[in-house]
């Protein structure tokens, strides 16, 4: 009997139990996945690190993957092989994806072909790993859930991270007045370079007064909120009539007064990219690819880590003093 071809092995991060960053184990004998029909195998050059991956790893998040698993969804690299019926991609193509099936913290990852997109030459792999979740989430928050329109004002609360910078770039390109907050001087300069008309330091005790002064009596139409457990109460005071808060990130509970929503008929809406329909994902993808083509979509890469330093990356993304672009693992 002919022996089956020996399967190749790769380095990949595996999680065998939920817990702190230390449960991330780098292993060098993980089997390279094989692409099934309508799937693409990608040789990973860079993988984005998202805060949600730390929540999932801790076991406190609504979605719990079956153990053991490999974290990571935003991958950029080169197509290594394709499964049956895949015609859009071939070996050697530069691509990015926002959702892998096998996990992105690895040397190779498998993704559904309809979740893989061509990576134009004008962007490098590090930037490619910073597109998926941040830009799709920002677009969904602004337009699919926030119903943003040109001429409206948007406050991006925590604008110097991956989603925040994406929201600034998209909102500016689509004709909104963009205000952003960050926690450091460097972060403020970064958001001004990436589409914000004005930047505010959310560590300044009077920053909400400064935002109010800037928006006049009107208030802001939309707030994209990355840390709702800290800011939601204050956000409700900053909104214009019929204003809306888009809850993109949260790390705990907060007390608010619902009367604040009545006085302005304002609304609070949760945003989850995982709940997007196929049609909504296609709309996000079209907007993102158009933005790359037009030249205004330029992912900002922040801290970079080799795969060996994944534990440090997970500690830093939650505990760092101020985000500056998208965190990536390099392979």
Foldseek 3Di string as FASTA:
>chain_A
DDDDPDFDWWWAWKAAAAAALVSTDIDGGHTQDDAAAQKWKFQFFKFFDDLVQRCQSNVNDPDHDPPTATAGAWTWGFTCQHHPPDDPDGGGFTKIFRGFPRYDLIRMTMHRNLRIDGDDPVADRLQSNLPHPQQLQLCCLVPVVQVHAAAFEEEEEQLQESNNLNNQLLCQVRHYAYEYEWQDPLSQVLSVVRHHPHYFHPVPPCRLVVLCVVVDVFFGQEYEDAACQPCVQSNLVRHGQQHEYEYAHYDDHHDHDCVSCVVRVYYYHYTDPVPDDSVSVVVSVVSSVVCVVVPSDGFDEDAEAESVCSSVVSVCVVPPSIHHTIYMYGD
